[in-house]
N, C-alpha and C. Protein backbone atom coordinates (compact mmCIF):
# COMPACT_ATOMS: atom_id res chain seq x y z
N MET A 1 0.71 -1.35 -0.07
CA MET A 1 -0.44 0.03 -0.30
C MET A 1 0.64 1.57 -0.40
N GLN A 2 1.49 1.07 0.54
CA GLN A 2 3.00 2.03 0.42
C GLN A 2 3.22 2.62 -0.63
N ASP A 3 3.78 1.80 -1.61
CA ASP A 3 4.06 2.40 -3.16
C ASP A 3 3.20 2.83 -3.49
N VAL A 4 1.96 2.25 -3.58
CA VAL A 4 0.57 3.24 -4.29
C VAL A 4 0.51 4.37 -3.31
N LEU A 5 0.71 5.04 -2.82
CA LEU A 5 0.43 6.24 -1.96
C LEU A 5 1.21 7.14 -2.07
N ASN A 6 2.98 6.49 -2.25
CA ASN A 6 3.64 7.26 -3.08
C ASN A 6 3.78 8.05 -4.41
N ILE A 7 3.29 7.01 -5.07
CA ILE A 7 2.70 6.65 -6.84
C ILE A 7 1.88 8.27 -6.77
N GLU A 8 0.41 7.81 -5.70
CA GLU A 8 -0.38 8.79 -5.33
C GLU A 8 -0.07 10.21 -4.95
N ALA A 9 0.78 10.27 -4.10
CA ALA A 9 1.79 11.78 -3.65
C ALA A 9 2.35 12.24 -4.62
N ALA A 10 3.13 11.68 -5.52
CA ALA A 10 3.71 12.58 -6.68
C ALA A 10 2.72 12.57 -7.67
N SER A 11 1.77 11.88 -8.06
CA SER A 11 0.60 12.43 -9.43
C SER A 11 -0.36 13.64 -9.12
N ASN A 12 -0.80 13.16 -7.71
CA ASN A 12 -2.12 14.41 -8.10
C ASN A 12 -2.11 15.46 -6.90
N LEU A 13 -2.96 16.81 -7.11
CA LEU A 13 -2.69 17.81 -6.52
C LEU A 13 -3.62 17.32 -5.29
N THR A 14 -4.74 16.43 -4.88
CA THR A 14 -5.39 16.34 -4.02
C THR A 14 -5.19 15.05 -4.09
N PRO A 15 -3.94 14.24 -3.00
CA PRO A 15 -3.96 12.75 -3.43
C PRO A 15 -4.82 12.38 -2.22
N TRP A 16 -5.62 11.11 -2.73
CA TRP A 16 -6.11 10.42 -1.90
C TRP A 16 -5.39 9.79 -0.62
N SER A 17 -6.07 9.72 0.58
CA SER A 17 -5.35 8.93 1.94
C SER A 17 -5.06 7.69 1.84
N LYS A 18 -4.68 7.01 2.66
CA LYS A 18 -4.85 5.61 2.71
C LYS A 18 -5.80 4.59 3.06
N LYS A 19 -6.82 5.97 4.25
CA LYS A 19 -8.04 5.46 4.09
C LYS A 19 -8.99 5.27 3.42
N THR A 20 -8.69 6.38 2.04
CA THR A 20 -9.76 6.15 1.46
C THR A 20 -9.59 5.18 0.33
N PHE A 21 -7.92 5.02 0.09
CA PHE A 21 -8.04 3.87 -0.87
C PHE A 21 -8.22 2.30 -0.25
N GLN A 22 -8.37 1.76 1.52
CA GLN A 22 -9.05 1.05 1.84
C GLN A 22 -10.22 1.08 1.69
N LYS A 23 -11.14 2.20 1.75
CA LYS A 23 -12.53 1.79 1.50
C LYS A 23 -12.69 1.64 0.36
N ILE A 24 -12.34 2.28 -0.54
CA ILE A 24 -12.50 2.38 -1.85
C ILE A 24 -12.10 1.08 -2.59
N LEU A 25 -11.04 -0.11 -1.98
CA LEU A 25 -10.83 -1.11 -2.43
C LEU A 25 -11.58 -2.29 -1.81
N GLU A 26 -12.01 -1.84 -0.65
CA GLU A 26 -13.62 -3.27 -0.30
C GLU A 26 -14.70 -3.15 -1.25
N ASN A 27 -14.82 -2.36 -2.29
CA ASN A 27 -15.57 -2.73 -2.81
C ASN A 27 -15.33 -2.91 -4.27
N ARG A 28 -13.82 -2.79 -4.80
CA ARG A 28 -13.79 -2.91 -5.99
C ARG A 28 -13.22 -4.04 -6.87
N SER A 29 -13.85 -4.40 -7.65
CA SER A 29 -13.60 -5.67 -8.10
C SER A 29 -12.96 -5.68 -9.84
N ILE A 30 -12.31 -4.33 -10.56
CA ILE A 30 -11.71 -4.30 -12.03
C ILE A 30 -10.17 -3.54 -10.68
N SER A 31 -10.09 -3.02 -10.10
CA SER A 31 -8.62 -2.86 -9.57
C SER A 31 -7.38 -3.69 -9.37
N PHE A 32 -6.43 -3.00 -10.16
CA PHE A 32 -5.04 -3.61 -10.25
C PHE A 32 -3.45 -2.96 -10.02
N VAL A 33 -2.68 -3.61 -9.91
CA VAL A 33 -1.31 -3.13 -9.47
C VAL A 33 -0.32 -3.45 -10.56
N ILE A 34 0.41 -2.65 -11.11
CA ILE A 34 1.42 -3.39 -11.98
C ILE A 34 2.89 -3.80 -11.04
N ARG A 35 3.82 -4.45 -10.84
CA ARG A 35 4.60 -4.56 -10.02
C ARG A 35 5.38 -5.13 -10.96
N SER A 36 7.11 -4.15 -10.04
CA SER A 36 8.69 -4.57 -11.30
C SER A 36 9.17 -5.42 -10.08
N LYS A 37 10.03 -6.09 -10.11
CA LYS A 37 10.47 -6.53 -8.87
C LYS A 37 9.58 -6.42 -7.62
N GLU A 38 10.04 -5.89 -6.48
CA GLU A 38 9.22 -5.91 -5.02
C GLU A 38 8.72 -5.20 -5.23
N SER A 39 8.25 -4.02 -5.89
CA SER A 39 7.89 -2.31 -5.48
C SER A 39 6.55 -2.35 -6.74
N VAL A 40 5.30 -1.64 -6.33
CA VAL A 40 4.41 -1.82 -7.20
C VAL A 40 5.11 -0.08 -7.75
N VAL A 41 5.07 -0.21 -9.20
CA VAL A 41 5.26 1.22 -10.06
C VAL A 41 3.82 1.73 -10.82
N ALA A 42 2.95 1.09 -10.41
CA ALA A 42 1.53 1.87 -10.55
C ALA A 42 0.35 0.95 -11.15
N PHE A 43 -0.72 2.12 -10.72
CA PHE A 43 -1.94 1.11 -10.41
C PHE A 43 -3.00 1.86 -11.23
N CYS A 44 -4.32 0.91 -10.97
CA CYS A 44 -5.80 1.44 -11.39
C CYS A 44 -6.59 0.99 -10.99
N ILE A 45 -7.40 2.03 -10.53
CA ILE A 45 -8.04 1.67 -9.62
C ILE A 45 -9.96 2.11 -10.30
N ALA A 46 -10.11 0.99 -10.98
CA ALA A 46 -12.30 1.22 -11.07
C ALA A 46 -13.11 -0.06 -10.49
N ASN A 47 -13.96 0.43 -11.12
CA ASN A 47 -15.54 -0.27 -10.11
C ASN A 47 -16.50 -0.39 -11.00
N LYS A 48 -17.22 -0.83 -11.39
CA LYS A 48 -18.47 -1.55 -11.70
C LYS A 48 -19.61 -0.38 -11.02
N VAL A 49 -20.41 0.45 -12.22
CA VAL A 49 -21.47 1.45 -11.51
C VAL A 49 -22.38 1.04 -12.50
N LEU A 50 -23.28 -0.09 -12.19
CA LEU A 50 -24.79 -0.39 -13.02
C LEU A 50 -23.92 -1.27 -13.93
N ASP A 51 -23.75 -0.73 -15.50
CA ASP A 51 -23.59 -1.49 -16.60
C ASP A 51 -22.48 -0.91 -16.99
N ASP A 52 -21.36 0.01 -16.15
CA ASP A 52 -20.85 1.19 -16.47
C ASP A 52 -19.44 0.56 -15.55
N CYS A 53 -18.11 0.81 -16.63
CA CYS A 53 -16.75 1.04 -15.76
C CYS A 53 -16.88 2.69 -15.05
N HIS A 54 -16.31 3.27 -13.72
CA HIS A 54 -15.94 4.07 -13.81
C HIS A 54 -14.32 3.59 -13.36
N LEU A 55 -13.70 5.00 -14.03
CA LEU A 55 -12.33 4.73 -13.63
C LEU A 55 -11.79 5.48 -13.07
N GLN A 56 -11.41 5.65 -12.23
CA GLN A 56 -11.38 6.68 -10.35
C GLN A 56 -10.12 7.33 -10.35
N ASN A 57 -8.80 5.95 -11.18
CA ASN A 57 -7.78 6.86 -10.69
C ASN A 57 -6.98 6.10 -12.16
N ILE A 58 -5.82 6.32 -12.06
CA ILE A 58 -4.88 5.60 -13.04
C ILE A 58 -3.28 6.35 -12.93
N ALA A 59 -2.41 5.97 -11.92
CA ALA A 59 -0.70 6.46 -11.98
C ALA A 59 -0.11 5.55 -12.36
N VAL A 60 0.81 6.14 -12.90
CA VAL A 60 2.76 5.39 -13.00
C VAL A 60 3.71 5.98 -12.10
N ILE A 61 4.24 5.31 -11.37
CA ILE A 61 6.23 6.31 -10.83
C ILE A 61 6.63 7.05 -11.88
N GLU A 62 7.04 8.45 -11.72
CA GLU A 62 7.70 9.08 -12.29
C GLU A 62 8.37 8.89 -12.93
N LYS A 63 9.26 7.97 -12.50
CA LYS A 63 10.48 7.65 -13.48
C LYS A 63 9.91 6.85 -14.26
N LEU A 64 8.98 6.39 -14.75
CA LEU A 64 8.46 5.52 -15.69
C LEU A 64 7.49 5.91 -16.72
N ARG A 65 7.10 7.29 -16.13
CA ARG A 65 5.69 8.09 -17.16
C ARG A 65 6.51 7.83 -18.52
N GLY A 66 5.30 7.77 -19.49
CA GLY A 66 5.65 8.11 -21.06
C GLY A 66 6.46 6.89 -21.53
N LYS A 67 6.00 5.48 -20.76
CA LYS A 67 7.09 5.03 -21.61
C LYS A 67 5.84 3.75 -22.11
N GLY A 68 4.54 3.86 -22.09
CA GLY A 68 3.89 3.54 -22.45
C GLY A 68 3.35 2.10 -21.47
N ILE A 69 3.27 2.58 -19.97
CA ILE A 69 2.50 1.42 -18.98
C ILE A 69 1.19 2.20 -19.04
N GLY A 70 1.00 3.60 -19.09
CA GLY A 70 -0.37 3.69 -19.00
C GLY A 70 -1.20 3.31 -20.08
N THR A 71 -1.13 2.84 -21.03
CA THR A 71 -1.74 2.48 -22.42
C THR A 71 -1.83 1.63 -21.98
N PHE A 72 -0.02 0.40 -21.02
CA PHE A 72 -0.51 -0.88 -20.92
C PHE A 72 -1.57 -1.11 -20.36
N MET A 73 -2.08 -0.55 -18.96
CA MET A 73 -2.99 -0.11 -18.18
C MET A 73 -4.00 -0.11 -18.59
N LEU A 74 -4.38 0.69 -19.44
CA LEU A 74 -5.80 0.67 -20.03
C LEU A 74 -6.18 -0.67 -20.63
N ASN A 75 -5.10 -0.73 -21.26
CA ASN A 75 -5.59 -2.62 -22.33
C ASN A 75 -5.73 -3.56 -21.19
N ILE A 76 -5.16 -3.73 -20.21
CA ILE A 76 -5.71 -4.34 -19.33
C ILE A 76 -7.17 -3.68 -18.77
N LEU A 77 -7.35 -3.17 -18.54
CA LEU A 77 -8.31 -2.73 -17.73
C LEU A 77 -9.58 -2.96 -18.60
N PHE A 78 -9.06 -2.41 -20.02
CA PHE A 78 -10.41 -2.73 -21.28
C PHE A 78 -10.61 -4.10 -21.22
N LYS A 79 -9.88 -5.41 -21.35
CA LYS A 79 -9.80 -6.79 -21.07
C LYS A 79 -10.75 -6.85 -19.62
N ARG A 80 -10.45 -6.33 -18.81
CA ARG A 80 -11.53 -6.70 -17.51
C ARG A 80 -12.88 -6.10 -17.77
N VAL A 81 -13.13 -5.06 -18.37
CA VAL A 81 -14.15 -4.83 -18.34
C VAL A 81 -14.57 -5.65 -19.41
N LYS A 82 -14.60 -5.79 -20.10
CA LYS A 82 -15.40 -7.11 -21.22
C LYS A 82 -15.43 -8.27 -20.75
N LEU A 83 -14.82 -8.69 -19.55
CA LEU A 83 -14.97 -9.99 -19.02
C LEU A 83 -15.91 -9.92 -17.39
N SER A 84 -16.38 -8.25 -17.65
CA SER A 84 -17.35 -8.53 -16.93
C SER A 84 -18.48 -7.37 -17.19
N ASN A 85 -18.59 -7.79 -18.80
CA ASN A 85 -20.07 -7.62 -19.28
C ASN A 85 -20.10 -6.60 -19.15
N LEU A 86 -19.46 -5.27 -19.19
CA LEU A 86 -19.32 -4.33 -19.06
C LEU A 86 -19.31 -3.44 -20.56
N ASP A 87 -20.05 -2.43 -21.20
CA ASP A 87 -19.23 -1.68 -22.14
C ASP A 87 -18.47 -0.48 -21.91
N THR A 88 -19.08 0.11 -21.29
CA THR A 88 -18.65 1.56 -21.24
C THR A 88 -17.91 1.71 -20.10
N ILE A 89 -16.65 2.11 -20.10
CA ILE A 89 -15.52 3.02 -19.24
C ILE A 89 -16.10 4.85 -18.98
N LEU A 90 -16.46 5.42 -17.98
CA LEU A 90 -16.51 6.47 -17.71
C LEU A 90 -15.17 6.89 -16.69
N LEU A 91 -15.02 8.61 -16.96
CA LEU A 91 -13.99 8.89 -16.10
C LEU A 91 -13.69 10.08 -15.75
N GLU A 92 -13.53 10.91 -14.75
CA GLU A 92 -13.46 12.20 -14.66
C GLU A 92 -12.37 12.49 -14.85
N VAL A 93 -11.99 13.91 -15.20
CA VAL A 93 -10.14 14.21 -15.05
C VAL A 93 -10.10 15.89 -15.57
N ARG A 94 -9.37 16.27 -14.87
CA ARG A 94 -9.22 17.81 -14.07
C ARG A 94 -9.22 18.55 -15.45
N GLU A 95 -10.08 19.76 -15.48
CA GLU A 95 -10.11 20.25 -17.24
C GLU A 95 -8.26 21.14 -17.39
N SER A 96 -7.57 21.56 -16.28
CA SER A 96 -6.51 21.76 -16.61
C SER A 96 -5.03 20.80 -16.90
N ASN A 97 -5.88 19.67 -16.62
CA ASN A 97 -4.66 18.27 -17.02
C ASN A 97 -4.59 17.98 -18.51
N GLU A 98 -3.86 18.80 -19.39
CA GLU A 98 -3.73 18.77 -20.23
C GLU A 98 -3.78 17.07 -20.55
N ILE A 99 -2.25 17.01 -20.44
CA ILE A 99 -1.42 15.59 -20.49
C ILE A 99 -2.63 14.26 -20.31
N ALA A 100 -3.32 14.29 -19.27
CA ALA A 100 -4.50 13.28 -19.33
C ALA A 100 -5.19 13.15 -20.28
N ARG A 101 -5.82 14.14 -20.27
CA ARG A 101 -6.83 15.12 -21.48
C ARG A 101 -6.89 14.02 -22.65
N LYS A 102 -5.52 14.22 -23.22
CA LYS A 102 -4.95 14.30 -24.51
C LYS A 102 -4.26 12.38 -24.28
N PHE A 103 -3.84 11.85 -23.22
CA PHE A 103 -3.43 10.17 -22.88
C PHE A 103 -4.96 10.01 -23.28
N TYR A 104 -5.82 10.08 -22.61
CA TYR A 104 -7.65 9.35 -22.77
C TYR A 104 -7.88 9.85 -24.31
N ARG A 105 -7.84 10.60 -24.78
CA ARG A 105 -7.72 10.95 -26.99
C ARG A 105 -7.42 10.28 -26.97
N ASP A 106 -6.08 9.71 -26.97
CA ASP A 106 -5.01 9.61 -28.05
C ASP A 106 -5.68 7.52 -27.98
N ASN A 107 -6.85 7.24 -26.20
CA ASN A 107 -6.34 5.87 -26.11
C ASN A 107 -8.34 5.64 -26.52
N GLY A 108 -8.95 6.69 -27.66
CA GLY A 108 -10.25 6.42 -27.80
C GLY A 108 -11.26 6.92 -26.67
N PHE A 109 -11.05 7.60 -25.78
CA PHE A 109 -12.21 8.46 -25.13
C PHE A 109 -12.62 9.82 -25.26
N LYS A 110 -13.58 10.12 -25.39
CA LYS A 110 -14.34 11.46 -25.53
C LYS A 110 -15.13 12.02 -25.15
N GLU A 111 -14.37 13.45 -24.42
CA GLU A 111 -15.28 14.32 -23.82
C GLU A 111 -16.54 14.29 -24.02
N LEU A 112 -17.31 14.17 -22.97
CA LEU A 112 -19.21 14.70 -22.94
C LEU A 112 -19.47 15.26 -22.39
N SER A 113 -19.03 15.32 -21.42
CA SER A 113 -19.24 17.03 -20.53
C SER A 113 -18.46 17.72 -19.36
N VAL A 114 -18.92 19.01 -18.65
CA VAL A 114 -18.20 19.19 -17.92
C VAL A 114 -19.02 19.11 -16.53
N ARG A 115 -18.16 18.98 -15.72
CA ARG A 115 -18.89 18.71 -14.38
C ARG A 115 -18.27 19.61 -13.38
N LYS A 116 -19.06 21.13 -13.12
CA LYS A 116 -18.66 22.61 -12.54
C LYS A 116 -17.90 22.20 -11.35
N ASN A 117 -17.30 22.59 -10.54
CA ASN A 117 -16.35 22.42 -9.24
C ASN A 117 -16.06 21.06 -8.77
N TYR A 118 -16.07 19.97 -9.62
CA TYR A 118 -15.46 18.94 -9.25
C TYR A 118 -14.56 18.92 -8.45
N TYR A 119 -13.11 19.14 -8.47
CA TYR A 119 -11.99 18.66 -7.41
C TYR A 119 -11.32 20.18 -7.06
N LYS A 120 -11.00 19.56 -5.71
CA LYS A 120 -10.14 20.64 -4.69
C LYS A 120 -9.28 21.25 -5.82
N ALA A 121 -8.52 22.68 -5.69
CA ALA A 121 -7.53 23.21 -6.44
C ALA A 121 -6.79 23.80 -4.89
N GLU A 122 -5.94 24.46 -5.61
CA GLU A 122 -4.92 25.44 -4.76
C GLU A 122 -5.94 26.37 -4.42
N LYS A 123 -6.45 27.06 -4.77
CA LYS A 123 -7.71 28.30 -4.40
C LYS A 123 -8.97 27.69 -5.23
N GLY A 124 -9.25 27.73 -4.67
CA GLY A 124 -11.49 26.86 -4.67
C GLY A 124 -11.14 26.18 -5.48
N ARG A 125 -12.02 25.54 -6.82
CA ARG A 125 -12.86 24.35 -7.20
C ARG A 125 -12.05 24.74 -8.64
N GLU A 126 -11.82 23.00 -9.22
CA GLU A 126 -11.68 22.96 -10.57
C GLU A 126 -12.62 22.45 -11.26
N ASN A 127 -12.98 22.86 -12.17
CA ASN A 127 -13.91 21.52 -12.56
C ASN A 127 -13.70 20.35 -13.11
N ALA A 128 -14.34 19.22 -13.88
CA ALA A 128 -13.76 18.10 -14.57
C ALA A 128 -14.43 17.73 -15.26
N ILE A 129 -13.78 17.25 -16.63
CA ILE A 129 -14.47 16.71 -18.36
C ILE A 129 -14.46 15.62 -17.72
N ILE A 130 -15.69 15.13 -18.27
CA ILE A 130 -15.97 13.89 -17.40
C ILE A 130 -15.82 13.29 -19.50
N MET A 131 -14.78 12.25 -19.25
CA MET A 131 -15.07 11.24 -20.74
C MET A 131 -15.31 9.99 -20.68
N ARG A 132 -15.80 9.69 -21.95
CA ARG A 132 -16.26 7.87 -21.92
C ARG A 132 -15.41 7.39 -23.02
N LEU A 133 -15.19 5.96 -23.24
CA LEU A 133 -15.35 4.87 -24.11
C LEU A 133 -15.96 3.95 -24.05
N GLU A 134 -16.77 3.46 -25.41
CA GLU A 134 -17.43 2.18 -25.43
C GLU A 134 -16.28 1.39 -25.92
N VAL A 135 -16.44 0.03 -25.24
CA VAL A 135 -15.48 -0.83 -24.83
C VAL A 135 -15.87 -1.96 -26.47
N ALA A 136 -15.20 -2.27 -26.96
CA ALA A 136 -16.00 -2.74 -28.49
C ALA A 136 -15.40 -4.37 -28.38
């Protein structure tokens, strides 16, 4: 768990706490980690919500970013979604996070709408972009 918390702290402006991860993971059936030797180097937190998959959090250790691990994880998630008889993946991403938005667009996600004031920000709140992918 500590590896996941470290990756989270380096990846998000408002990182999840250990308690939040534990609570979320109690009910998640599609989440997974990527390990290298003895350490977690990436994680994906996703769950079933009715007939959809909600991708809540995906992160890669800083020194391995840009090497295809995020895409590798999405491909694993796509397979897990299909095995769970789900058709759609939904996610929220910070409006200001252009790198993540491009990553998701490059992997087939479409921007659907804006959720106003969804995220905590350094000053006030920030909008989320809701994105969707139909898994074939």
